């Protein structure tokens, strides 16, 4: 390999450090949404009724899932581009190990699906059917969500 090729390869290898910018941004976003989760929980706990508390708690779950997406994505980018993160033995290895961009996309897709389920639950709280067909649509939506969750679980099981 000649000198120019070595220089280019060295430059390309060092360019991976650019990925620290999105990693830091994603972690800052995760901290923001984690704090907002705490605020929503506090508001829910200090509300006067269950009707007011329930939507706030569902919103808190949504924010917590969003924070987890950002952490998973930040960690995945770091491990893919910068270096492996040393974990204590037996700690969250099943959730946070990312070996490829496909692993990262799969984990992200699973959490996004859970966020959509929470959003559906938020909308379902305000559900007020006007005719029988509304119930059929609602039942179909619940069935599709159940099928999606089942498919995600079936894909995760070893040996499949």
C-alpha atoms as a PDB file:
ATOM      1  CA  UNK A   1       0.000   0.000   0.000  1.00  0.00           C
ATOM      2  CA  UNK A   2       1.463   3.326  -0.959  1.00  0.00           C
ATOM      3  CA  UNK A   3       1.727   6.430   1.189  1.00  0.00           C
ATOM      4  CA  UNK A   4      -1.371   8.176  -0.259  1.00  0.00           C
ATOM      5  CA  UNK A   5      -3.587   5.160   0.418  1.00  0.00           C
ATOM      6  CA  UNK A   6      -2.332   4.967   4.008  1.00  0.00           C
ATOM      7  CA  UNK A   7      -3.043   8.670   4.483  1.00  0.00           C
ATOM      8  CA  UNK A   8      -6.574   8.353   3.075  1.00  0.00           C
ATOM      9  CA  UNK A   9      -7.337   5.287   5.174  1.00  0.00           C
ATOM     10  CA  UNK A  10      -6.028   6.990   8.289  1.00  0.00           C
ATOM     11  CA  UNK A  11      -8.142  10.053   7.557  1.00  0.00           C
ATOM     12  CA  UNK A  12     -11.240   7.927   6.995  1.00  0.00           C
ATOM     13  CA  UNK A  13     -10.634   6.018  10.222  1.00  0.00           C
ATOM     14  CA  UNK A  14     -10.303   9.254  12.196  1.00  0.00           C
ATOM     15  CA  UNK A  15     -13.486  10.628  10.575  1.00  0.00           C
ATOM     16  CA  UNK A  16     -15.488   8.247  12.761  1.00  0.00           C
ATOM     17  CA  UNK A  17     -15.057  10.731  15.616  1.00  0.00           C
ATOM     18  CA  UNK A  18     -17.575  12.995  13.863  1.00  0.00           C
ATOM     19  CA  UNK A  19     -20.226  10.607  15.202  1.00  0.00           C
ATOM     20  CA  UNK A  20     -19.591  11.936  18.694  1.00  0.00           C
ATOM     21  CA  UNK A  21     -21.687  14.988  17.774  1.00  0.00           C
ATOM     22  CA  UNK A  22     -24.938  13.058  17.272  1.00  0.00           C
ATOM     23  CA  UNK A  23     -24.124  10.784  20.233  1.00  0.00           C
ATOM     24  CA  UNK A  24     -23.802  13.786  22.569  1.00  0.00           C
ATOM     25  CA  UNK A  25     -26.922  15.381  21.092  1.00  0.00           C
ATOM     26  CA  UNK A  26     -28.935  12.197  21.537  1.00  0.00           C
ATOM     27  CA  UNK A  27     -27.778  11.851  25.141  1.00  0.00           C
ATOM     28  CA  UNK A  28     -28.734  15.470  25.841  1.00  0.00           C
ATOM     29  CA  UNK A  29     -32.152  14.773  24.359  1.00  0.00           C
ATOM     30  CA  UNK A  30     -32.496  11.646  26.511  1.00  0.00           C
ATOM     31  CA  UNK A  31     -31.723  13.657  29.640  1.00  0.00           C
ATOM     32  CA  UNK A  32     -34.270  16.302  28.610  1.00  0.00           C
ATOM     33  CA  UNK A  33     -37.028  13.737  28.040  1.00  0.00           C
ATOM     34  CA  UNK A  34     -36.154  11.888  31.263  1.00  0.00           C
ATOM     35  CA  UNK A  35     -36.539  15.139  33.210  1.00  0.00           C
ATOM     36  CA  UNK A  36     -39.830  15.847  31.406  1.00  0.00           C
ATOM     37  CA  UNK A  37     -40.967  12.337  32.408  1.00  0.00           C
ATOM     38  CA  UNK A  38     -40.335  13.197  36.043  1.00  0.00           C
ATOM     39  CA  UNK A  39     -42.254  16.462  35.656  1.00  0.00           C
ATOM     40  CA  UNK A  40     -45.250  14.640  34.114  1.00  0.00           C
ATOM     41  CA  UNK A  41     -45.250  12.023  36.874  1.00  0.00           C
ATOM     42  CA  UNK A  42     -45.111  14.764  39.510  1.00  0.00           C
ATOM     43  CA  UNK A  43     -48.026  16.578  37.837  1.00  0.00           C
ATOM     44  CA  UNK A  44     -49.994  13.328  37.709  1.00  0.00           C
ATOM     45  CA  UNK A  45     -49.351  12.510  41.347  1.00  0.00           C
ATOM     46  CA  UNK A  46     -50.355  15.978  42.458  1.00  0.00           C
ATOM     47  CA  UNK A  47     -53.521  16.095  40.349  1.00  0.00           C
ATOM     48  CA  UNK A  48     -56.854  15.939  42.110  1.00  0.00           C
ATOM     49  CA  UNK A  49     -58.516  13.131  40.186  1.00  0.00           C
ATOM     50  CA  UNK A  50     -57.866   9.943  38.280  1.00  0.00           C
ATOM     51  CA  UNK A  51     -59.341  11.474  35.118  1.00  0.00           C
ATOM     52  CA  UNK A  52     -56.605  14.113  35.191  1.00  0.00           C
ATOM     53  CA  UNK A  53     -53.808  11.804  36.375  1.00  0.00           C
ATOM     54  CA  UNK A  54     -54.245   9.011  33.833  1.00  0.00           C
ATOM     55  CA  UNK A  55     -53.484  11.040  30.691  1.00  0.00           C
ATOM     56  CA  UNK A  56     -50.469  12.582  32.433  1.00  0.00           C
ATOM     57  CA  UNK A  57     -49.114   9.144  33.393  1.00  0.00           C
ATOM     58  CA  UNK A  58     -49.633   7.851  29.853  1.00  0.00           C
ATOM     59  CA  UNK A  59     -47.760  10.915  28.602  1.00  0.00           C
ATOM     60  CA  UNK A  60     -44.980  10.144  31.085  1.00  0.00           C
ATOM     61  CA  UNK A  61     -44.687   6.607  29.711  1.00  0.00           C
ATOM     62  CA  UNK A  62     -44.463   8.064  26.214  1.00  0.00           C
ATOM     63  CA  UNK A  63     -41.689  10.451  27.259  1.00  0.00           C
ATOM     64  CA  UNK A  64     -39.798   7.666  29.043  1.00  0.00           C
ATOM     65  CA  UNK A  65     -39.942   5.505  25.917  1.00  0.00           C
ATOM     66  CA  UNK A  66     -38.662   8.409  23.851  1.00  0.00           C
ATOM     67  CA  UNK A  67     -35.763   8.892  26.282  1.00  0.00           C
ATOM     68  CA  UNK A  68     -34.946   5.190  26.007  1.00  0.00           C
ATOM     69  CA  UNK A  69     -34.953   5.387  22.192  1.00  0.00           C
ATOM     70  CA  UNK A  70     -32.438   8.212  22.324  1.00  0.00           C
ATOM     71  CA  UNK A  71     -30.185   6.349  24.760  1.00  0.00           C
ATOM     72  CA  UNK A  72     -30.302   3.136  22.726  1.00  0.00           C
ATOM     73  CA  UNK A  73     -29.563   5.010  19.523  1.00  0.00           C
ATOM     74  CA  UNK A  74     -26.719   7.033  21.090  1.00  0.00           C
ATOM     75  CA  UNK A  75     -25.122   3.921  22.542  1.00  0.00           C
ATOM     76  CA  UNK A  76     -25.558   2.048  19.281  1.00  0.00           C
ATOM     77  CA  UNK A  77     -23.922   4.796  17.220  1.00  0.00           C
ATOM     78  CA  UNK A  78     -21.073   5.019  19.706  1.00  0.00           C
ATOM     79  CA  UNK A  79     -20.459   1.275  19.605  1.00  0.00           C
ATOM     80  CA  UNK A  80     -20.709   1.079  15.829  1.00  0.00           C
ATOM     81  CA  UNK A  81     -18.424   3.999  15.051  1.00  0.00           C
ATOM     82  CA  UNK A  82     -16.233   4.818  18.039  1.00  0.00           C
ATOM     83  CA  UNK A  83     -15.558   1.936  20.446  1.00  0.00           C
ATOM     84  CA  UNK A  84     -17.204  -0.847  22.413  1.00  0.00           C
ATOM     85  CA  UNK A  85     -18.682   0.183  25.741  1.00  0.00           C
ATOM     86  CA  UNK A  86     -17.403  -1.909  28.656  1.00  0.00           C
ATOM     87  CA  UNK A  87     -20.365  -3.108  30.712  1.00  0.00           C
ATOM     88  CA  UNK A  88     -20.376  -4.692  34.142  1.00  0.00           C
ATOM     89  CA  UNK A  89     -20.955  -8.449  33.972  1.00  0.00           C
ATOM     90  CA  UNK A  90     -24.625  -9.339  33.465  1.00  0.00           C
ATOM     91  CA  UNK A  91     -25.914  -5.795  32.978  1.00  0.00           C
ATOM     92  CA  UNK A  92     -28.492  -5.036  30.280  1.00  0.00           C
ATOM     93  CA  UNK A  93     -26.545  -6.965  27.661  1.00  0.00           C
ATOM     94  CA  UNK A  94     -29.711  -8.101  25.924  1.00  0.00           C
ATOM     95  CA  UNK A  95     -31.016  -4.542  25.414  1.00  0.00           C
ATOM     96  CA  UNK A  96     -27.987  -2.458  24.614  1.00  0.00           C
ATOM     97  CA  UNK A  97     -25.720  -4.708  22.540  1.00  0.00           C
ATOM     98  CA  UNK A  98     -25.523  -3.444  18.970  1.00  0.00           C
ATOM     99  CA  UNK A  99     -23.466  -5.386  16.444  1.00  0.00           C
ATOM    100  CA  UNK A 100     -24.686  -3.799  13.220  1.00  0.00           C
ATOM    101  CA  UNK A 101     -26.863  -1.040  11.830  1.00  0.00           C
ATOM    102  CA  UNK A 102     -29.546  -3.676  11.342  1.00  0.00           C
ATOM    103  CA  UNK A 103     -29.483  -4.463  15.094  1.00  0.00           C
ATOM    104  CA  UNK A 104     -29.810  -0.770  15.826  1.00  0.00           C
ATOM    105  CA  UNK A 105     -32.723  -0.362  13.410  1.00  0.00           C
ATOM    106  CA  UNK A 106     -34.484  -3.393  14.913  1.00  0.00           C
ATOM    107  CA  UNK A 107     -34.158  -2.103  18.465  1.00  0.00           C
ATOM    108  CA  UNK A 108     -35.282   1.349  17.383  1.00  0.00           C
ATOM    109  CA  UNK A 109     -38.258  -0.104  15.530  1.00  0.00           C
ATOM    110  CA  UNK A 110     -39.358  -2.078  18.588  1.00  0.00           C
ATOM    111  CA  UNK A 111     -39.307   0.978  20.837  1.00  0.00           C
ATOM    112  CA  UNK A 112     -41.074   3.094  18.215  1.00  0.00           C
ATOM    113  CA  UNK A 113     -43.774   0.417  18.035  1.00  0.00           C
ATOM    114  CA  UNK A 114     -44.225   0.701  21.796  1.00  0.00           C
ATOM    115  CA  UNK A 115     -44.478   4.488  21.493  1.00  0.00           C
ATOM    116  CA  UNK A 116     -47.203   4.013  18.877  1.00  0.00           C
ATOM    117  CA  UNK A 117     -49.045   1.648  21.221  1.00  0.00           C
ATOM    118  CA  UNK A 118     -48.938   4.293  23.959  1.00  0.00           C
ATOM    119  CA  UNK A 119     -50.130   6.959  21.505  1.00  0.00           C
ATOM    120  CA  UNK A 120     -52.975   4.660  20.450  1.00  0.00           C
ATOM    121  CA  UNK A 121     -53.906   4.235  24.116  1.00  0.00           C
ATOM    122  CA  UNK A 122     -53.963   8.025  24.540  1.00  0.00           C
ATOM    123  CA  UNK A 123     -56.325   8.362  21.581  1.00  0.00           C
ATOM    124  CA  UNK A 124     -58.449   5.426  22.765  1.00  0.00           C
ATOM    125  CA  UNK A 125     -59.131   7.223  26.050  1.00  0.00           C
ATOM    126  CA  UNK A 126     -61.014   9.865  24.109  1.00  0.00           C
ATOM    127  CA  UNK A 127     -62.868   7.275  21.995  1.00  0.00           C
ATOM    128  CA  UNK A 128     -66.580   8.002  21.790  1.00  0.00           C
ATOM    129  CA  UNK A 129     -68.321   5.800  19.233  1.00  0.00           C
ATOM    130  CA  UNK A 130     -71.162   7.297  17.258  1.00  0.00           C
ATOM    131  CA  UNK A 131     -72.297   4.181  15.403  1.00  0.00           C
ATOM    132  CA  UNK A 132     -71.660   0.420  15.359  1.00  0.00           C
ATOM    133  CA  UNK A 133     -69.008   0.684  12.634  1.00  0.00           C
ATOM    134  CA  UNK A 134     -66.858   2.768  15.015  1.00  0.00           C
ATOM    135  CA  UNK A 135     -66.640  -0.237  17.345  1.00  0.00           C
ATOM    136  CA  UNK A 136     -65.545  -2.421  14.441  1.00  0.00           C
ATOM    137  CA  UNK A 137     -62.794   0.047  13.490  1.00  0.00           C
ATOM    138  CA  UNK A 138     -61.641   0.229  17.091  1.00  0.00           C
ATOM    139  CA  UNK A 139     -61.585  -3.565  17.424  1.00  0.00           C
ATOM    140  CA  UNK A 140     -59.651  -3.828  14.152  1.00  0.00           C
ATOM    141  CA  UNK A 141     -57.074  -1.300  15.353  1.00  0.00           C
ATOM    142  CA  UNK A 142     -56.600  -3.191  18.618  1.00  0.00           C
ATOM    143  CA  UNK A 143     -56.246  -6.458  16.669  1.00  0.00           C
ATOM    144  CA  UNK A 144     -53.595  -4.928  14.395  1.00  0.00           C
ATOM    145  CA  UNK A 145     -51.659  -3.623  17.403  1.00  0.00           C
ATOM    146  CA  UNK A 146     -51.852  -7.035  19.046  1.00  0.00           C
ATOM    147  CA  UNK A 147     -50.636  -8.721  15.871  1.00  0.00           C
ATOM    148  CA  UNK A 148     -47.747  -6.281  15.534  1.00  0.00           C
ATOM    149  CA  UNK A 149     -46.660  -6.878  19.133  1.00  0.00           C
ATOM    150  CA  UNK A 150     -46.977 -10.643  18.658  1.00  0.00           C
ATOM    151  CA  UNK A 151     -44.844 -10.511  15.496  1.00  0.00           C
ATOM    152  CA  UNK A 152     -42.147  -8.497  17.275  1.00  0.00           C
ATOM    153  CA  UNK A 153     -42.075 -11.002  20.136  1.00  0.00           C
ATOM    154  CA  UNK A 154     -42.037 -13.981  17.755  1.00  0.00           C
ATOM    155  CA  UNK A 155     -39.039 -12.532  15.904  1.00  0.00           C
ATOM    156  CA  UNK A 156     -37.072 -12.056  19.152  1.00  0.00           C
ATOM    157  CA  UNK A 157     -37.395 -15.666  20.342  1.00  0.00           C
ATOM    158  CA  UNK A 158     -34.234 -17.717  19.789  1.00  0.00           C
ATOM    159  CA  UNK A 159     -34.376 -20.394  17.150  1.00  0.00           C
ATOM    160  CA  UNK A 160     -36.853 -18.536  14.941  1.00  0.00           C
END
